[in-house]
């Protein structure tokens, strides 16, 4: 299974509920890897939290406004991906998510 960077997928994250997440793994690596790195999403707003990026309803196929939890990047086996991707986030939002991930990792 190949997933593309920026796609919104439902993930059965261990020790959590299944939640939509954004794929960070590049497509070339996803073709060969059994795992993918994802940024989980939440519908709980955090005001002035620099590592959370807002995704408006409709973005990436989401039906509710959500926030990318860029401080909680995780790698999961592809076997934990549920169903087909909801959609893909816009290039501008993907750039904002990448910047927030770099901030959270001190890069």
PDB file of N, CA and C in Angstrom:
ATOM      1  N   UNK A   1       0.850  -1.187   0.000  1.00  0.00           N
ATOM      2  CA  UNK A   1       0.000   0.000   0.000  1.00  0.00           C
ATOM      3  C   UNK A   1       0.888   1.239   0.000  1.00  0.00           C
ATOM      4  N   UNK A   2       0.588   2.165  -0.879  1.00  0.00           N
ATOM      5  CA  UNK A   2       1.303   3.432  -0.930  1.00  0.00           C
ATOM      6  C   UNK A   2       0.342   4.553  -0.540  1.00  0.00           C
ATOM      7  N   UNK A   3       0.743   5.345   0.428  1.00  0.00           N
ATOM      8  CA  UNK A   3      -0.014   6.547   0.777  1.00  0.00           C
ATOM      9  C   UNK A   3       0.859   7.736   0.422  1.00  0.00           C
ATOM     10  N   UNK A   4       0.213   8.856   0.178  1.00  0.00           N
ATOM     11  CA  UNK A   4       0.945  10.043  -0.271  1.00  0.00           C
ATOM     12  C   UNK A   4       1.062  11.060   0.854  1.00  0.00           C
ATOM     13  N   UNK A   5       2.184  11.759   0.857  1.00  0.00           N
ATOM     14  CA  UNK A   5       2.416  12.833   1.818  1.00  0.00           C
ATOM     15  C   UNK A   5       1.278  13.851   1.719  1.00  0.00           C
ATOM     16  N   UNK A   6       0.729  14.234   2.860  1.00  0.00           N
ATOM     17  CA  UNK A   6      -0.348  15.214   2.894  1.00  0.00           C
ATOM     18  C   UNK A   6      -1.743  14.612   2.894  1.00  0.00           C
ATOM     19  N   UNK A   7      -1.842  13.286   2.701  1.00  0.00           N
ATOM     20  CA  UNK A   7      -3.164  12.662   2.734  1.00  0.00           C
ATOM     21  C   UNK A   7      -3.662  12.571   4.172  1.00  0.00           C
ATOM     22  N   UNK A   8      -4.978  12.682   4.324  1.00  0.00           N
ATOM     23  CA  UNK A   8      -5.624  12.522   5.624  1.00  0.00           C
ATOM     24  C   UNK A   8      -6.179  11.104   5.667  1.00  0.00           C
ATOM     25  N   UNK A   9      -5.686  10.329   6.630  1.00  0.00           N
ATOM     26  CA  UNK A   9      -6.084   8.923   6.754  1.00  0.00           C
ATOM     27  C   UNK A   9      -6.555   8.660   8.181  1.00  0.00           C
ATOM     28  N   UNK A  10      -7.432   7.674   8.330  1.00  0.00           N
ATOM     29  CA  UNK A  10      -7.864   7.259   9.662  1.00  0.00           C
ATOM     30  C   UNK A  10      -6.853   6.230  10.162  1.00  0.00           C
ATOM     31  N   UNK A  11      -6.333   6.449  11.378  1.00  0.00           N
ATOM     32  CA  UNK A  11      -5.283   5.594  11.934  1.00  0.00           C
ATOM     33  C   UNK A  11      -5.725   5.062  13.292  1.00  0.00           C
ATOM     34  N   UNK A  12      -5.554   3.760  13.481  1.00  0.00           N
ATOM     35  CA  UNK A  12      -5.800   3.139  14.786  1.00  0.00           C
ATOM     36  C   UNK A  12      -4.516   3.269  15.595  1.00  0.00           C
ATOM     37  N   UNK A  13      -4.269   4.445  16.150  1.00  0.00           N
ATOM     38  CA  UNK A  13      -3.043   4.705  16.907  1.00  0.00           C
ATOM     39  C   UNK A  13      -3.087   3.900  18.210  1.00  0.00           C
ATOM     40  N   UNK A  14      -2.051   3.101  18.482  1.00  0.00           N
ATOM     41  CA  UNK A  14      -2.049   2.284  19.699  1.00  0.00           C
ATOM     42  C   UNK A  14      -2.280   3.121  20.960  1.00  0.00           C
ATOM     43  N   UNK A  15      -3.071   2.578  21.870  1.00  0.00           N
ATOM     44  CA  UNK A  15      -3.387   3.196  23.163  1.00  0.00           C
ATOM     45  C   UNK A  15      -4.164   4.502  23.032  1.00  0.00           C
ATOM     46  N   UNK A  16      -4.761   4.746  21.882  1.00  0.00           N
ATOM     47  CA  UNK A  16      -5.617   5.908  21.658  1.00  0.00           C
ATOM     48  C   UNK A  16      -6.808   5.459  20.827  1.00  0.00           C
ATOM     49  N   UNK A  17      -7.761   6.353  20.650  1.00  0.00           N
ATOM     50  CA  UNK A  17      -8.857   6.047  19.743  1.00  0.00           C
ATOM     51  C   UNK A  17      -8.374   6.243  18.305  1.00  0.00           C
ATOM     52  N   UNK A  18      -9.058   5.603  17.374  1.00  0.00           N
ATOM     53  CA  UNK A  18      -8.733   5.827  15.960  1.00  0.00           C
ATOM     54  C   UNK A  18      -9.013   7.287  15.658  1.00  0.00           C
ATOM     55  N   UNK A  19      -8.068   7.921  14.955  1.00  0.00           N
ATOM     56  CA  UNK A  19      -8.262   9.335  14.651  1.00  0.00           C
ATOM     57  C   UNK A  19      -7.671   9.664  13.295  1.00  0.00           C
ATOM     58  N   UNK A  20      -8.248  10.661  12.629  1.00  0.00           N
ATOM     59  CA  UNK A  20      -7.658  11.122  11.367  1.00  0.00           C
ATOM     60  C   UNK A  20      -6.251  11.649  11.628  1.00  0.00           C
ATOM     61  N   UNK A  21      -5.384  11.419  10.683  1.00  0.00           N
ATOM     62  CA  UNK A  21      -3.989  11.854  10.791  1.00  0.00           C
ATOM     63  C   UNK A  21      -3.484  12.240   9.414  1.00  0.00           C
ATOM     64  N   UNK A  22      -2.467  13.083   9.377  1.00  0.00           N
ATOM     65  CA  UNK A  22      -1.873  13.517   8.105  1.00  0.00           C
ATOM     66  C   UNK A  22      -0.569  12.768   7.899  1.00  0.00           C
ATOM     67  N   UNK A  23      -0.406  12.187   6.727  1.00  0.00           N
ATOM     68  CA  UNK A  23       0.797  11.426   6.392  1.00  0.00           C
ATOM     69  C   UNK A  23       1.943  12.394   6.120  1.00  0.00           C
ATOM     70  N   UNK A  24       3.091  12.149   6.771  1.00  0.00           N
ATOM     71  CA  UNK A  24       4.295  12.942   6.526  1.00  0.00           C
ATOM     72  C   UNK A  24       5.309  12.200   5.655  1.00  0.00           C
ATOM     73  N   UNK A  25       5.240  10.895   5.635  1.00  0.00           N
ATOM     74  CA  UNK A  25       6.202  10.091   4.875  1.00  0.00           C
ATOM     75  C   UNK A  25       6.086  10.410   3.384  1.00  0.00           C
ATOM     76  N   UNK A  26       7.212  10.673   2.710  1.00  0.00           N
ATOM     77  CA  UNK A  26       7.149  10.931   1.271  1.00  0.00           C
ATOM     78  C   UNK A  26       6.729   9.669   0.498  1.00  0.00           C
ATOM     79  N   UNK A  27       6.097   9.887  -0.640  1.00  0.00           N
ATOM     80  CA  UNK A  27       5.556   8.784  -1.427  1.00  0.00           C
ATOM     81  C   UNK A  27       6.629   7.787  -1.835  1.00  0.00           C
ATOM     82  N   UNK A  28       7.836   8.257  -2.201  1.00  0.00           N
ATOM     83  CA  UNK A  28       8.886   7.335  -2.637  1.00  0.00           C
ATOM     84  C   UNK A  28       9.253   6.349  -1.538  1.00  0.00           C
ATOM     85  N   UNK A  29       9.213   6.793  -0.270  1.00  0.00           N
ATOM     86  CA  UNK A  29       9.535   5.921   0.843  1.00  0.00           C
ATOM     87  C   UNK A  29       8.334   5.040   1.205  1.00  0.00           C
ATOM     88  N   UNK A  30       7.154   5.599   1.089  1.00  0.00           N
ATOM     89  CA  UNK A  30       5.937   4.862   1.413  1.00  0.00           C
ATOM     90  C   UNK A  30       5.778   3.611   0.535  1.00  0.00           C
ATOM     91  N   UNK A  31       6.274   3.678  -0.690  1.00  0.00           N
ATOM     92  CA  UNK A  31       6.180   2.521  -1.594  1.00  0.00           C
ATOM     93  C   UNK A  31       6.882   1.295  -1.035  1.00  0.00           C
ATOM     94  N   UNK A  32       7.967   1.509  -0.298  1.00  0.00           N
ATOM     95  CA  UNK A  32       8.808   0.408   0.150  1.00  0.00           C
ATOM     96  C   UNK A  32       8.689   0.099   1.639  1.00  0.00           C
ATOM     97  N   UNK A  33       8.257   1.069   2.414  1.00  0.00           N
ATOM     98  CA  UNK A  33       8.229   0.941   3.864  1.00  0.00           C
ATOM     99  C   UNK A  33       6.949   0.265   4.356  1.00  0.00           C
ATOM    100  N   UNK A  34       7.072  -0.435   5.459  1.00  0.00           N
ATOM    101  CA  UNK A  34       5.898  -1.034   6.102  1.00  0.00           C
ATOM    102  C   UNK A  34       5.249  -0.067   7.091  1.00  0.00           C
ATOM    103  N   UNK A  35       5.946   1.056   7.366  1.00  0.00           N
ATOM    104  CA  UNK A  35       5.464   2.057   8.320  1.00  0.00           C
ATOM    105  C   UNK A  35       5.328   3.418   7.646  1.00  0.00           C
ATOM    106  N   UNK A  36       4.529   4.295   8.272  1.00  0.00           N
ATOM    107  CA  UNK A  36       4.440   5.687   7.833  1.00  0.00           C
ATOM    108  C   UNK A  36       4.445   6.594   9.056  1.00  0.00           C
ATOM    109  N   UNK A  37       4.982   7.781   8.893  1.00  0.00           N
ATOM    110  CA  UNK A  37       4.945   8.786   9.949  1.00  0.00           C
ATOM    111  C   UNK A  37       3.732   9.672   9.729  1.00  0.00           C
ATOM    112  N   UNK A  38       3.009   9.942  10.809  1.00  0.00           N
ATOM    113  CA  UNK A  38       1.773  10.715  10.714  1.00  0.00           C
ATOM    114  C   UNK A  38       1.719  11.765  11.814  1.00  0.00           C
ATOM    115  N   UNK A  39       0.908  12.785  11.560  1.00  0.00           N
ATOM    116  CA  UNK A  39       0.578  13.809  12.554  1.00  0.00           C
ATOM    117  C   UNK A  39      -0.901  13.615  12.891  1.00  0.00           C
ATOM    118  N   UNK A  40      -1.212  13.235  14.128  1.00  0.00           N
ATOM    119  CA  UNK A  40      -2.609  13.041  14.501  1.00  0.00           C
ATOM    120  C   UNK A  40      -3.379  14.359  14.515  1.00  0.00           C
ATOM    121  N   UNK A  41      -4.676  14.259  14.306  1.00  0.00           N
ATOM    122  CA  UNK A  41      -5.550  15.439  14.333  1.00  0.00           C
ATOM    123  C   UNK A  41      -6.479  15.374  15.534  1.00  0.00           C
ATOM    124  N   UNK A  42      -6.938  16.534  15.963  1.00  0.00           N
ATOM    125  CA  UNK A  42      -7.903  16.650  17.044  1.00  0.00           C
ATOM    126  C   UNK A  42      -8.919  17.718  16.680  1.00  0.00           C
ATOM    127  N   UNK A  43     -10.083  17.650  17.292  1.00  0.00           N
ATOM    128  CA  UNK A  43     -11.084  18.712  17.117  1.00  0.00           C
ATOM    129  C   UNK A  43     -11.085  19.660  18.310  1.00  0.00           C
ATOM    130  N   UNK A  44     -10.180  19.430  19.270  1.00  0.00           N
ATOM    131  CA  UNK A  44     -10.069  20.281  20.453  1.00  0.00           C
ATOM    132  C   UNK A  44      -9.099  21.422  20.160  1.00  0.00           C
ATOM    133  N   UNK A  45      -9.602  22.645  20.248  1.00  0.00           N
ATOM    134  CA  UNK A  45      -8.786  23.831  19.953  1.00  0.00           C
ATOM    135  C   UNK A  45      -7.854  24.150  21.107  1.00  0.00           C
ATOM    136  N   UNK A  46      -6.642  24.593  20.772  1.00  0.00           N
ATOM    137  CA  UNK A  46      -5.675  25.089  21.758  1.00  0.00           C
ATOM    138  C   UNK A  46      -5.276  26.488  21.310  1.00  0.00           C
ATOM    139  N   UNK A  47      -5.702  27.480  22.032  1.00  0.00           N
ATOM    140  CA  UNK A  47      -5.358  28.840  21.638  1.00  0.00           C
ATOM    141  C   UNK A  47      -3.888  29.118  21.905  1.00  0.00           C
ATOM    142  N   UNK A  48      -3.271  29.797  20.965  1.00  0.00           N
ATOM    143  CA  UNK A  48      -1.862  30.207  21.063  1.00  0.00           C
ATOM    144  C   UNK A  48      -0.923  29.044  21.372  1.00  0.00           C
ATOM    145  N   UNK A  49      -1.141  27.956  20.724  1.00  0.00           N
ATOM    146  CA  UNK A  49      -0.287  26.781  20.884  1.00  0.00           C
ATOM    147  C   UNK A  49       0.472  26.644  19.573  1.00  0.00           C
ATOM    148  N   UNK A  50       1.773  26.964  19.546  1.00  0.00           N
ATOM    149  CA  UNK A  50       2.500  27.111  18.284  1.00  0.00           C
ATOM    150  C   UNK A  50       2.719  25.829  17.482  1.00  0.00           C
ATOM    151  N   UNK A  51       2.499  24.675  18.112  1.00  0.00           N
ATOM    152  CA  UNK A  51       2.719  23.436  17.366  1.00  0.00           C
ATOM    153  C   UNK A  51       1.406  22.781  16.927  1.00  0.00           C
ATOM    154  N   UNK A  52       0.334  23.539  16.932  1.00  0.00           N
ATOM    155  CA  UNK A  52      -0.960  23.056  16.435  1.00  0.00           C
ATOM    156  C   UNK A  52      -1.336  23.920  15.233  1.00  0.00           C
ATOM    157  N   UNK A  53      -1.694  23.269  14.136  1.00  0.00           N
ATOM    158  CA  UNK A  53      -2.061  23.968  12.906  1.00  0.00           C
ATOM    159  C   UNK A  53      -3.536  23.705  12.630  1.00  0.00           C
ATOM    160  N   UNK A  54      -4.292  24.773  12.450  1.00  0.00           N
ATOM    161  CA  UNK A  54      -5.733  24.647  12.207  1.00  0.00           C
ATOM    162  C   UNK A  54      -6.015  24.208  10.778  1.00  0.00           C
ATOM    163  N   UNK A  55      -6.920  23.256  10.646  1.00  0.00           N
ATOM    164  CA  UNK A  55      -7.422  22.814   9.342  1.00  0.00           C
ATOM    165  C   UNK A  55      -8.919  23.097   9.317  1.00  0.00           C
ATOM    166  N   UNK A  56      -9.354  24.017   8.471  1.00  0.00           N
ATOM    167  CA  UNK A  56     -10.783  24.328   8.435  1.00  0.00           C
ATOM    168  C   UNK A  56     -11.604  23.141   7.931  1.00  0.00           C
ATOM    169  N   UNK A  57     -12.860  23.094   8.332  1.00  0.00           N
ATOM    170  CA  UNK A  57     -13.756  22.043   7.846  1.00  0.00           C
ATOM    171  C   UNK A  57     -13.729  22.027   6.319  1.00  0.00           C
ATOM    172  N   UNK A  58     -13.684  20.842   5.744  1.00  0.00           N
ATOM    173  CA  UNK A  58     -13.616  20.689   4.293  1.00  0.00           C
ATOM    174  C   UNK A  58     -12.198  20.425   3.802  1.00  0.00           C
ATOM    175  N   UNK A  59     -11.195  20.899   4.545  1.00  0.00           N
ATOM    176  CA  UNK A  59      -9.803  20.683   4.155  1.00  0.00           C
ATOM    177  C   UNK A  59      -9.460  19.204   4.290  1.00  0.00           C
ATOM    178  N   UNK A  60      -8.859  18.627   3.269  1.00  0.00           N
ATOM    179  CA  UNK A  60      -8.440  17.236   3.312  1.00  0.00           C
ATOM    180  C   UNK A  60      -9.572  16.244   3.480  1.00  0.00           C
ATOM    181  N   UNK A  61     -10.805  16.677   3.185  1.00  0.00           N
ATOM    182  CA  UNK A  61     -11.960  15.789   3.318  1.00  0.00           C
ATOM    183  C   UNK A  61     -12.531  15.719   4.723  1.00  0.00           C
ATOM    184  N   UNK A  62     -12.059  16.591   5.620  1.00  0.00           N
ATOM    185  CA  UNK A  62     -12.560  16.591   6.998  1.00  0.00           C
ATOM    186  C   UNK A  62     -13.888  17.334   7.074  1.00  0.00           C
ATOM    187  N   UNK A  63     -14.817  16.837   7.879  1.00  0.00           N
ATOM    188  CA  UNK A  63     -16.104  17.532   7.987  1.00  0.00           C
ATOM    189  C   UNK A  63     -16.178  18.452   9.205  1.00  0.00           C
ATOM    190  N   UNK A  64     -15.127  18.489  10.034  1.00  0.00           N
ATOM    191  CA  UNK A  64     -15.077  19.399  11.184  1.00  0.00           C
ATOM    192  C   UNK A  64     -13.748  20.135  11.176  1.00  0.00           C
ATOM    193  N   UNK A  65     -13.759  21.357  11.698  1.00  0.00           N
ATOM    194  CA  UNK A  65     -12.499  22.068  11.898  1.00  0.00           C
ATOM    195  C   UNK A  65     -11.652  21.234  12.850  1.00  0.00           C
ATOM    196  N   UNK A  66     -10.389  21.064  12.490  1.00  0.00           N
ATOM    197  CA  UNK A  66      -9.488  20.219  13.270  1.00  0.00           C
ATOM    198  C   UNK A  66      -8.138  20.909  13.407  1.00  0.00           C
ATOM    199  N   UNK A  67      -7.298  20.356  14.277  1.00  0.00           N
ATOM    200  CA  UNK A  67      -5.952  20.881  14.484  1.00  0.00           C
ATOM    201  C   UNK A  67      -4.955  19.742  14.381  1.00  0.00           C
ATOM    202  N   UNK A  68      -3.900  19.977  13.608  1.00  0.00           N
ATOM    203  CA  UNK A  68      -2.810  19.012  13.497  1.00  0.00           C
ATOM    204  C   UNK A  68      -1.959  19.116  14.747  1.00  0.00           C
ATOM    205  N   UNK A  69      -1.750  17.994  15.423  1.00  0.00           N
ATOM    206  CA  UNK A  69      -0.976  17.938  16.663  1.00  0.00           C
ATOM    207  C   UNK A  69       0.492  17.687  16.297  1.00  0.00           C
ATOM    208  N   UNK A  70       1.148  18.738  15.809  1.00  0.00           N
ATOM    209  CA  UNK A  70       2.502  18.616  15.253  1.00  0.00           C
ATOM    210  C   UNK A  70       3.553  18.289  16.299  1.00  0.00           C
ATOM    211  N   UNK A  71       3.183  18.349  17.567  1.00  0.00           N
ATOM    212  CA  UNK A  71       4.081  17.967  18.647  1.00  0.00           C
ATOM    213  C   UNK A  71       3.934  16.493  19.005  1.00  0.00           C
ATOM    214  N   UNK A  72       3.110  15.761  18.231  1.00  0.00           N
ATOM    215  CA  UNK A  72       2.878  14.344  18.518  1.00  0.00           C
ATOM    216  C   UNK A  72       3.065  13.470  17.283  1.00  0.00           C
ATOM    217  N   UNK A  73       4.074  13.771  16.475  1.00  0.00           N
ATOM    218  CA  UNK A  73       4.377  12.955  15.300  1.00  0.00           C
ATOM    219  C   UNK A  73       4.651  11.531  15.763  1.00  0.00           C
ATOM    220  N   UNK A  74       4.089  10.573  15.045  1.00  0.00           N
ATOM    221  CA  UNK A  74       4.290   9.173  15.401  1.00  0.00           C
ATOM    222  C   UNK A  74       4.436   8.332  14.141  1.00  0.00           C
ATOM    223  N   UNK A  75       5.091   7.208  14.271  1.00  0.00           N
ATOM    224  CA  UNK A  75       5.246   6.278  13.164  1.00  0.00           C
ATOM    225  C   UNK A  75       4.434   5.036  13.486  1.00  0.00           C
ATOM    226  N   UNK A  76       3.611   4.622  12.518  1.00  0.00           N
ATOM    227  CA  UNK A  76       2.731   3.467  12.716  1.00  0.00           C
ATOM    228  C   UNK A  76       2.866   2.504  11.544  1.00  0.00           C
ATOM    229  N   UNK A  77       2.628   1.223  11.784  1.00  0.00           N
ATOM    230  CA  UNK A  77       2.592   0.275  10.679  1.00  0.00           C
ATOM    231  C   UNK A  77       1.413   0.609   9.756  1.00  0.00           C
ATOM    232  N   UNK A  78       1.593   0.397   8.480  1.00  0.00           N
ATOM    233  CA  UNK A  78       0.510   0.657   7.526  1.00  0.00           C
ATOM    234  C   UNK A  78      -0.723  -0.194   7.817  1.00  0.00           C
ATOM    235  N   UNK A  79      -0.528  -1.306   8.514  1.00  0.00           N
ATOM    236  CA  UNK A  79      -1.670  -2.166   8.858  1.00  0.00           C
ATOM    237  C   UNK A  79      -2.648  -1.463   9.792  1.00  0.00           C
ATOM    238  N   UNK A  80      -2.236  -0.353  10.424  1.00  0.00           N
ATOM    239  CA  UNK A  80      -3.127   0.395  11.311  1.00  0.00           C
ATOM    240  C   UNK A  80      -3.919   1.481  10.581  1.00  0.00           C
ATOM    241  N   UNK A  81      -3.687   1.641   9.277  1.00  0.00           N
ATOM    242  CA  UNK A  81      -4.469   2.598   8.488  1.00  0.00           C
ATOM    243  C   UNK A  81      -5.803   1.949   8.159  1.00  0.00           C
ATOM    244  N   UNK A  82      -6.873   2.708   8.362  1.00  0.00           N
ATOM    245  CA  UNK A  82      -8.231   2.179   8.185  1.00  0.00           C
ATOM    246  C   UNK A  82      -8.869   2.799   6.955  1.00  0.00           C
ATOM    247  N   UNK A  83      -9.264   1.982   5.997  1.00  0.00           N
ATOM    248  CA  UNK A  83      -9.984   2.463   4.817  1.00  0.00           C
ATOM    249  C   UNK A  83      -9.127   3.305   3.891  1.00  0.00           C
ATOM    250  N   UNK A  84      -9.811   4.058   3.051  1.00  0.00           N
ATOM    251  CA  UNK A  84      -9.166   4.920   2.059  1.00  0.00           C
ATOM    252  C   UNK A  84      -8.944   6.322   2.639  1.00  0.00           C
ATOM    253  N   UNK A  85      -7.979   7.072   2.105  1.00  0.00           N
ATOM    254  CA  UNK A  85      -7.775   8.456   2.560  1.00  0.00           C
ATOM    255  C   UNK A  85      -9.034   9.307   2.367  1.00  0.00           C
ATOM    256  N   UNK A  86      -9.239  10.256   3.282  1.00  0.00           N
ATOM    257  CA  UNK A  86     -10.362  11.196   3.170  1.00  0.00           C
ATOM    258  C   UNK A  86     -10.114  12.215   2.069  1.00  0.00           C
ATOM    259  N   UNK A  87      -8.854  12.574   1.894  1.00  0.00           N
ATOM    260  CA  UNK A  87      -8.475  13.609   0.940  1.00  0.00           C
ATOM    261  C   UNK A  87      -7.035  13.990   1.208  1.00  0.00           C
ATOM    262  N   UNK A  88      -6.670  15.161   0.728  1.00  0.00           N
ATOM    263  CA  UNK A  88      -5.294  15.640   0.876  1.00  0.00           C
ATOM    264  C   UNK A  88      -5.338  17.116   1.252  1.00  0.00           C
ATOM    265  N   UNK A  89      -4.451  17.535   2.159  1.00  0.00           N
ATOM    266  CA  UNK A  89      -4.421  18.946   2.558  1.00  0.00           C
ATOM    267  C   UNK A  89      -3.736  19.770   1.474  1.00  0.00           C
ATOM    268  N   UNK A  90      -4.024  21.044   1.456  1.00  0.00           N
ATOM    269  CA  UNK A  90      -3.441  21.948   0.463  1.00  0.00           C
ATOM    270  C   UNK A  90      -1.936  22.092   0.698  1.00  0.00           C
ATOM    271  N   UNK A  91      -1.182  22.437  -0.349  1.00  0.00           N
ATOM    272  CA  UNK A  91       0.267  22.619  -0.191  1.00  0.00           C
ATOM    273  C   UNK A  91       0.620  23.652   0.887  1.00  0.00           C
ATOM    274  N   UNK A  92      -0.136  24.735   0.977  1.00  0.00           N
ATOM    275  CA  UNK A  92       0.145  25.758   1.986  1.00  0.00           C
ATOM    276  C   UNK A  92      -0.025  25.239   3.402  1.00  0.00           C
ATOM    277  N   UNK A  93      -1.067  24.469   3.630  1.00  0.00           N
ATOM    278  CA  UNK A  93      -1.262  23.897   4.967  1.00  0.00           C
ATOM    279  C   UNK A  93      -0.211  22.841   5.279  1.00  0.00           C
ATOM    280  N   UNK A  94       0.177  22.058   4.282  1.00  0.00           N
ATOM    281  CA  UNK A  94       1.227  21.068   4.496  1.00  0.00           C
ATOM    282  C   UNK A  94       2.536  21.763   4.889  1.00  0.00           C
ATOM    283  N   UNK A  95       2.837  22.881   4.264  1.00  0.00           N
ATOM    284  CA  UNK A  95       4.042  23.652   4.627  1.00  0.00           C
ATOM    285  C   UNK A  95       3.957  24.153   6.068  1.00  0.00           C
ATOM    286  N   UNK A  96       2.774  24.626   6.476  1.00  0.00           N
ATOM    287  CA  UNK A  96       2.592  25.107   7.851  1.00  0.00           C
ATOM    288  C   UNK A  96       2.759  23.955   8.844  1.00  0.00           C
ATOM    289  N   UNK A  97       2.268  22.770   8.498  1.00  0.00           N
ATOM    290  CA  UNK A  97       2.413  21.599   9.357  1.00  0.00           C
ATOM    291  C   UNK A  97       3.887  21.207   9.453  1.00  0.00           C
ATOM    292  N   UNK A  98       4.587  21.201   8.334  1.00  0.00           N
ATOM    293  CA  UNK A  98       6.019  20.880   8.344  1.00  0.00           C
ATOM    294  C   UNK A  98       6.789  21.855   9.234  1.00  0.00           C
ATOM    295  N   UNK A  99       6.462  23.139   9.153  1.00  0.00           N
ATOM    296  CA  UNK A  99       7.146  24.156   9.972  1.00  0.00           C
ATOM    297  C   UNK A  99       6.865  23.910  11.456  1.00  0.00           C
ATOM    298  N   UNK A 100       5.629  23.557  11.801  1.00  0.00           N
ATOM    299  CA  UNK A 100       5.288  23.309  13.196  1.00  0.00           C
ATOM    300  C   UNK A 100       5.970  22.038  13.711  1.00  0.00           C
ATOM    301  N   UNK A 101       6.135  21.034  12.848  1.00  0.00           N
ATOM    302  CA  UNK A 101       6.850  19.816  13.236  1.00  0.00           C
ATOM    303  C   UNK A 101       8.319  20.158  13.512  1.00  0.00           C
ATOM    304  N   UNK A 102       8.924  20.959  12.628  1.00  0.00           N
ATOM    305  CA  UNK A 102      10.317  21.368  12.845  1.00  0.00           C
ATOM    306  C   UNK A 102      10.448  22.116  14.175  1.00  0.00           C
ATOM    307  N   UNK A 103       9.507  23.003  14.466  1.00  0.00           N
ATOM    308  CA  UNK A 103       9.526  23.751  15.726  1.00  0.00           C
ATOM    309  C   UNK A 103       9.438  22.796  16.915  1.00  0.00           C
ATOM    310  N   UNK A 104       8.530  21.824  16.842  1.00  0.00           N
ATOM    311  CA  UNK A 104       8.337  20.912  17.975  1.00  0.00           C
ATOM    312  C   UNK A 104       9.549  20.009  18.197  1.00  0.00           C
ATOM    313  N   UNK A 105      10.328  19.755  17.131  1.00  0.00           N
ATOM    314  CA  UNK A 105      11.509  18.901  17.258  1.00  0.00           C
ATOM    315  C   UNK A 105      12.799  19.716  17.439  1.00  0.00           C
ATOM    316  N   UNK A 106      12.663  21.035  17.426  1.00  0.00           N
ATOM    317  CA  UNK A 106      13.822  21.897  17.597  1.00  0.00           C
ATOM    318  C   UNK A 106      14.764  21.877  16.402  1.00  0.00           C
ATOM    319  N   UNK A 107      14.212  21.716  15.204  1.00  0.00           N
ATOM    320  CA  UNK A 107      15.032  21.657  13.992  1.00  0.00           C
ATOM    321  C   UNK A 107      15.082  22.994  13.273  1.00  0.00           C
TER     322      UNK A 107
END
